[in-house]
N, C-alpha and C. Protein backbone atom coordinates (compact mmCIF):
# COMPACT_ATOMS: atom_id res chain seq x y z
N MET A 1 60.48 -37.22 95.42
CA MET A 1 61.19 -37.99 94.43
C MET A 1 60.78 -37.51 93.04
N VAL A 2 61.74 -37.29 92.19
CA VAL A 2 61.51 -36.80 90.83
C VAL A 2 61.58 -37.98 89.88
N ALA A 3 60.54 -38.12 89.04
CA ALA A 3 60.54 -39.21 88.07
C ALA A 3 61.43 -38.82 86.90
N SER A 4 62.28 -39.73 86.49
CA SER A 4 63.14 -39.41 85.36
C SER A 4 62.61 -40.12 84.13
N SER A 5 62.77 -39.46 83.00
CA SER A 5 62.28 -39.99 81.73
C SER A 5 63.46 -40.14 80.79
N VAL A 6 63.54 -41.27 80.16
CA VAL A 6 64.63 -41.52 79.21
C VAL A 6 64.03 -41.51 77.81
N SER A 7 64.64 -40.75 76.96
CA SER A 7 64.15 -40.64 75.59
C SER A 7 65.29 -40.98 74.63
N SER A 8 64.98 -41.70 73.59
CA SER A 8 66.02 -41.98 72.59
C SER A 8 65.38 -42.00 71.21
N THR A 9 66.17 -41.68 70.25
CA THR A 9 65.73 -41.71 68.87
C THR A 9 66.67 -42.61 68.10
N LYS A 10 66.12 -43.50 67.33
CA LYS A 10 66.93 -44.41 66.53
C LYS A 10 66.53 -44.27 65.08
N THR A 11 67.49 -44.41 64.23
CA THR A 11 67.24 -44.37 62.80
C THR A 11 67.82 -45.62 62.18
N GLU A 12 67.03 -46.28 61.39
CA GLU A 12 67.52 -47.45 60.69
C GLU A 12 67.78 -47.08 59.25
N ILE A 13 68.94 -47.42 58.75
CA ILE A 13 69.30 -47.11 57.37
C ILE A 13 69.60 -48.42 56.66
N THR A 14 68.98 -48.59 55.51
CA THR A 14 69.23 -49.77 54.70
C THR A 14 69.76 -49.31 53.35
N LEU A 15 70.86 -49.89 52.91
CA LEU A 15 71.42 -49.58 51.60
C LEU A 15 71.38 -50.83 50.74
N ARG A 16 71.00 -50.66 49.49
CA ARG A 16 71.07 -51.75 48.52
C ARG A 16 71.99 -51.29 47.41
N LEU A 17 73.04 -51.99 47.23
CA LEU A 17 74.02 -51.63 46.21
C LEU A 17 73.99 -52.67 45.11
N SER A 18 73.99 -52.21 43.88
CA SER A 18 74.08 -53.14 42.76
C SER A 18 74.95 -52.51 41.69
N GLU A 19 75.46 -53.33 40.84
CA GLU A 19 76.35 -52.86 39.79
C GLU A 19 75.59 -51.96 38.83
N PHE A 20 76.21 -50.85 38.44
CA PHE A 20 75.62 -49.93 37.48
C PHE A 20 75.68 -50.60 36.11
N GLU A 21 74.59 -50.59 35.41
CA GLU A 21 74.50 -51.24 34.11
C GLU A 21 74.79 -50.25 32.99
N MET A 22 75.49 -50.69 31.99
CA MET A 22 75.70 -49.89 30.79
C MET A 22 75.10 -50.64 29.63
N PRO A 23 74.19 -50.11 28.94
CA PRO A 23 73.53 -48.84 29.19
C PRO A 23 72.61 -48.93 30.40
N PRO A 24 72.23 -47.80 30.96
CA PRO A 24 71.38 -47.81 32.16
C PRO A 24 69.92 -48.13 31.84
N MET A 25 69.71 -49.18 31.12
CA MET A 25 68.37 -49.65 30.80
C MET A 25 68.47 -51.15 30.60
N GLN A 26 67.34 -51.77 30.49
CA GLN A 26 67.37 -53.22 30.31
C GLN A 26 66.94 -53.54 28.90
N ASP A 27 65.74 -54.04 28.77
CA ASP A 27 65.26 -54.44 27.46
C ASP A 27 64.62 -53.29 26.70
N ALA A 28 64.03 -52.36 27.46
CA ALA A 28 63.36 -51.23 26.82
C ALA A 28 63.22 -50.07 27.81
N LEU A 29 62.98 -48.90 27.26
CA LEU A 29 62.65 -47.72 28.05
C LEU A 29 61.34 -47.16 27.51
N ILE A 30 60.52 -46.65 28.42
CA ILE A 30 59.31 -45.91 28.06
C ILE A 30 59.58 -44.47 28.45
N ILE A 31 59.49 -43.57 27.51
CA ILE A 31 59.81 -42.16 27.76
C ILE A 31 58.55 -41.31 27.58
N GLY A 32 58.15 -40.64 28.65
CA GLY A 32 56.97 -39.78 28.62
C GLY A 32 57.20 -38.52 27.80
N ARG A 33 56.11 -37.90 27.37
CA ARG A 33 56.17 -36.69 26.52
C ARG A 33 56.91 -35.52 27.16
N LYS A 34 56.87 -35.41 28.48
CA LYS A 34 57.53 -34.30 29.17
C LYS A 34 58.63 -34.79 30.11
N ALA A 35 59.18 -35.96 29.81
CA ALA A 35 60.25 -36.53 30.63
C ALA A 35 61.55 -35.75 30.42
N PRO A 36 62.43 -35.76 31.41
CA PRO A 36 63.71 -35.06 31.27
C PRO A 36 64.56 -35.58 30.10
N LEU A 37 64.37 -36.84 29.75
CA LEU A 37 65.06 -37.43 28.61
C LEU A 37 64.06 -37.57 27.49
N GLY A 38 64.24 -36.80 26.43
CA GLY A 38 63.30 -36.86 25.31
C GLY A 38 63.80 -37.77 24.20
N PHE A 39 63.10 -37.76 23.09
CA PHE A 39 63.40 -38.60 21.94
C PHE A 39 64.83 -38.38 21.43
N GLU A 40 65.18 -37.13 21.17
CA GLU A 40 66.52 -36.82 20.62
C GLU A 40 67.63 -37.19 21.59
N ALA A 41 67.45 -36.88 22.87
CA ALA A 41 68.47 -37.21 23.88
C ALA A 41 68.61 -38.72 24.02
N ALA A 42 67.50 -39.44 23.95
CA ALA A 42 67.55 -40.91 24.04
C ALA A 42 68.32 -41.47 22.85
N LYS A 43 68.10 -40.88 21.69
CA LYS A 43 68.80 -41.31 20.48
C LYS A 43 70.31 -41.11 20.62
N ARG A 44 70.70 -39.95 21.11
CA ARG A 44 72.13 -39.67 21.31
C ARG A 44 72.73 -40.63 22.34
N MET A 45 72.00 -40.86 23.43
CA MET A 45 72.48 -41.75 24.48
C MET A 45 72.72 -43.15 23.93
N VAL A 46 71.76 -43.67 23.19
CA VAL A 46 71.86 -45.01 22.64
C VAL A 46 73.02 -45.09 21.64
N ASP A 47 73.16 -44.07 20.80
CA ASP A 47 74.25 -44.06 19.81
C ASP A 47 75.62 -44.05 20.48
N ILE A 48 75.75 -43.36 21.61
CA ILE A 48 77.03 -43.26 22.30
C ILE A 48 77.31 -44.50 23.14
N ILE A 49 76.34 -44.90 23.95
CA ILE A 49 76.56 -45.97 24.92
C ILE A 49 76.47 -47.36 24.32
N SER A 50 75.52 -47.56 23.43
CA SER A 50 75.27 -48.91 22.94
C SER A 50 74.85 -48.89 21.46
N PRO A 51 75.76 -48.47 20.59
CA PRO A 51 75.38 -48.38 19.17
C PRO A 51 74.95 -49.74 18.61
N ASN A 52 73.93 -49.71 17.79
CA ASN A 52 73.41 -50.89 17.09
C ASN A 52 72.74 -51.94 17.97
N LYS A 53 72.54 -51.67 19.26
CA LYS A 53 71.87 -52.65 20.13
C LYS A 53 70.41 -52.29 20.39
N TYR A 54 70.07 -51.01 20.30
CA TYR A 54 68.72 -50.54 20.61
C TYR A 54 68.18 -49.70 19.46
N GLU A 55 66.86 -49.67 19.35
CA GLU A 55 66.20 -48.78 18.40
C GLU A 55 65.36 -47.79 19.19
N VAL A 56 65.48 -46.52 18.83
CA VAL A 56 64.68 -45.47 19.47
C VAL A 56 63.52 -45.18 18.53
N ILE A 57 62.30 -45.32 19.07
CA ILE A 57 61.10 -45.25 18.23
C ILE A 57 60.18 -44.15 18.76
N LYS A 58 59.88 -43.17 17.92
CA LYS A 58 58.91 -42.12 18.27
C LYS A 58 57.53 -42.72 18.06
N VAL A 59 56.63 -42.54 19.04
CA VAL A 59 55.31 -43.16 18.96
C VAL A 59 54.20 -42.11 19.07
N GLN A 60 53.05 -42.48 18.58
CA GLN A 60 51.85 -41.65 18.70
C GLN A 60 51.05 -42.18 19.88
N HIS A 61 51.14 -41.48 21.01
CA HIS A 61 50.47 -41.90 22.23
C HIS A 61 50.18 -40.66 23.06
N PRO A 62 49.09 -40.63 23.82
CA PRO A 62 48.76 -39.42 24.59
C PRO A 62 49.82 -39.01 25.63
N THR A 63 50.48 -39.97 26.28
CA THR A 63 51.44 -39.62 27.32
C THR A 63 52.87 -40.08 27.02
N ILE A 64 53.05 -41.01 26.11
CA ILE A 64 54.37 -41.56 25.82
C ILE A 64 54.89 -40.97 24.51
N GLU A 65 56.14 -40.46 24.55
CA GLU A 65 56.76 -39.88 23.35
C GLU A 65 57.56 -40.91 22.57
N ALA A 66 58.29 -41.76 23.28
CA ALA A 66 59.19 -42.67 22.59
C ALA A 66 59.42 -43.95 23.38
N LEU A 67 59.87 -44.95 22.66
CA LEU A 67 60.29 -46.21 23.25
C LEU A 67 61.72 -46.48 22.77
N VAL A 68 62.50 -47.08 23.63
CA VAL A 68 63.82 -47.56 23.25
C VAL A 68 63.77 -49.06 23.49
N ILE A 69 63.95 -49.83 22.42
CA ILE A 69 63.79 -51.29 22.51
C ILE A 69 65.04 -51.99 22.00
N ARG A 70 65.46 -53.00 22.74
CA ARG A 70 66.61 -53.80 22.32
C ARG A 70 66.26 -54.51 21.02
N LYS A 71 67.12 -54.36 20.01
CA LYS A 71 66.86 -54.90 18.67
C LYS A 71 66.69 -56.41 18.66
N ALA A 72 67.41 -57.10 19.52
CA ALA A 72 67.31 -58.57 19.57
C ALA A 72 65.88 -59.02 19.87
N LEU A 73 65.15 -58.24 20.66
CA LEU A 73 63.76 -58.59 20.99
C LEU A 73 62.86 -58.49 19.77
N MET A 74 63.18 -57.53 18.90
CA MET A 74 62.35 -57.34 17.70
C MET A 74 62.63 -58.40 16.64
N ARG A 75 63.66 -59.21 16.87
CA ARG A 75 63.89 -60.36 15.99
C ARG A 75 63.08 -61.56 16.47
N MET A 76 62.66 -61.51 17.75
CA MET A 76 61.89 -62.61 18.32
C MET A 76 60.38 -62.38 18.19
N VAL A 77 59.98 -61.12 18.33
CA VAL A 77 58.57 -60.74 18.24
C VAL A 77 58.48 -59.63 17.20
N PRO A 78 57.51 -59.69 16.30
CA PRO A 78 57.41 -58.65 15.29
C PRO A 78 57.39 -57.24 15.92
N ARG A 79 58.15 -56.33 15.32
CA ARG A 79 58.36 -54.97 15.82
C ARG A 79 57.06 -54.29 16.22
N ASP A 80 56.09 -54.22 15.31
CA ASP A 80 54.84 -53.52 15.58
C ASP A 80 54.06 -54.14 16.72
N ARG A 81 54.10 -55.46 16.81
CA ARG A 81 53.39 -56.15 17.90
C ARG A 81 54.03 -55.87 19.23
N LEU A 82 55.35 -55.86 19.27
CA LEU A 82 56.08 -55.57 20.51
C LEU A 82 55.82 -54.14 20.97
N ILE A 83 55.82 -53.21 20.03
CA ILE A 83 55.53 -51.80 20.35
C ILE A 83 54.13 -51.67 20.93
N SER A 84 53.16 -52.32 20.30
CA SER A 84 51.78 -52.19 20.78
C SER A 84 51.61 -52.80 22.18
N ILE A 85 52.31 -53.90 22.46
CA ILE A 85 52.22 -54.52 23.79
C ILE A 85 52.82 -53.59 24.84
N ILE A 86 53.98 -53.04 24.56
CA ILE A 86 54.64 -52.13 25.51
C ILE A 86 53.78 -50.89 25.74
N LEU A 87 53.24 -50.32 24.66
CA LEU A 87 52.38 -49.13 24.81
C LEU A 87 51.11 -49.45 25.58
N GLU A 88 50.51 -50.58 25.29
CA GLU A 88 49.27 -50.97 25.96
C GLU A 88 49.48 -51.12 27.47
N GLU A 89 50.49 -51.87 27.85
CA GLU A 89 50.73 -52.12 29.28
C GLU A 89 51.39 -50.93 29.96
N GLY A 90 52.39 -50.35 29.32
CA GLY A 90 53.08 -49.19 29.89
C GLY A 90 52.19 -47.97 29.99
N GLY A 91 51.29 -47.83 29.03
CA GLY A 91 50.37 -46.70 29.02
C GLY A 91 49.41 -46.69 30.20
N LYS A 92 49.23 -47.84 30.82
CA LYS A 92 48.34 -47.92 31.99
C LYS A 92 48.95 -47.26 33.22
N VAL A 93 50.27 -47.19 33.28
CA VAL A 93 50.93 -46.64 34.47
C VAL A 93 51.80 -45.42 34.18
N ALA A 94 52.15 -45.21 32.93
CA ALA A 94 53.04 -44.09 32.58
C ALA A 94 52.28 -42.77 32.60
N ASN A 95 53.03 -41.71 32.93
CA ASN A 95 52.49 -40.36 32.76
C ASN A 95 53.47 -39.58 31.91
N GLU A 96 53.20 -38.30 31.70
CA GLU A 96 54.02 -37.53 30.77
C GLU A 96 55.46 -37.31 31.22
N THR A 97 55.75 -37.44 32.50
CA THR A 97 57.11 -37.22 32.99
C THR A 97 57.85 -38.53 33.27
N THR A 98 57.24 -39.63 32.96
CA THR A 98 57.77 -40.96 33.25
C THR A 98 58.96 -41.33 32.37
N ILE A 99 59.92 -41.99 32.99
CA ILE A 99 60.92 -42.76 32.26
C ILE A 99 60.96 -44.11 32.97
N PHE A 100 60.42 -45.12 32.32
CA PHE A 100 60.38 -46.46 32.90
C PHE A 100 61.42 -47.35 32.24
N LYS A 101 62.15 -48.08 33.05
CA LYS A 101 63.03 -49.13 32.56
C LYS A 101 62.17 -50.39 32.50
N VAL A 102 62.17 -51.06 31.37
CA VAL A 102 61.30 -52.22 31.15
C VAL A 102 62.15 -53.48 31.03
N GLN A 103 61.76 -54.48 31.78
CA GLN A 103 62.38 -55.79 31.65
C GLN A 103 61.36 -56.70 30.99
N LEU A 104 61.72 -57.26 29.86
CA LEU A 104 60.82 -58.14 29.12
C LEU A 104 61.33 -59.57 29.21
N SER A 105 60.41 -60.48 29.33
CA SER A 105 60.76 -61.89 29.31
C SER A 105 59.98 -62.53 28.17
N ILE A 106 60.70 -62.99 27.18
CA ILE A 106 60.06 -63.61 26.02
C ILE A 106 60.47 -65.07 25.98
N VAL A 107 59.49 -65.94 25.95
CA VAL A 107 59.75 -67.37 25.87
C VAL A 107 59.07 -67.87 24.61
N LEU A 108 59.85 -68.44 23.72
CA LEU A 108 59.29 -69.00 22.50
C LEU A 108 59.00 -70.48 22.73
N CYS A 109 57.79 -70.90 22.42
CA CYS A 109 57.39 -72.30 22.56
C CYS A 109 57.17 -72.86 21.16
N VAL A 110 57.90 -73.90 20.84
CA VAL A 110 57.80 -74.49 19.52
C VAL A 110 57.35 -75.94 19.66
N SER A 111 56.35 -76.30 18.87
CA SER A 111 55.87 -77.67 18.84
C SER A 111 55.81 -78.11 17.40
N LYS A 112 56.35 -79.27 17.11
CA LYS A 112 56.39 -79.75 15.75
C LYS A 112 55.95 -81.20 15.72
N THR A 113 55.18 -81.54 14.73
CA THR A 113 54.80 -82.93 14.53
C THR A 113 55.63 -83.46 13.36
N VAL A 114 56.27 -84.59 13.60
CA VAL A 114 57.14 -85.16 12.59
C VAL A 114 56.62 -86.55 12.24
N GLU A 115 56.51 -86.79 10.98
CA GLU A 115 56.06 -88.11 10.52
C GLU A 115 57.23 -89.07 10.54
N LEU A 116 57.03 -90.24 11.14
CA LEU A 116 58.11 -91.25 11.22
C LEU A 116 57.92 -92.37 10.24
């Protein structure tokens, strides 16, 4: 009697589809010094796709060349402070070829005492 062996190979494929966003960024982009998209290209992209909504900022950082930040955020948090926060946190994970899409959540808490 000959023992028969059954062999099979299965492949599982999972697709996640989501709507393409214009521009293809959220609140900010972190662009590494040797990333395929540099400062000038980011500037052109922003001017074409979303004029007046984002600011492209060249920064002094060992691995990060530029940031692209939604202007509305800089009205909520002072520009320099927002840049330093993004560089501080993004700099921990970014490398020279990185292009990170950044989602920021800013919540303003206001408390006022009123004399009655």
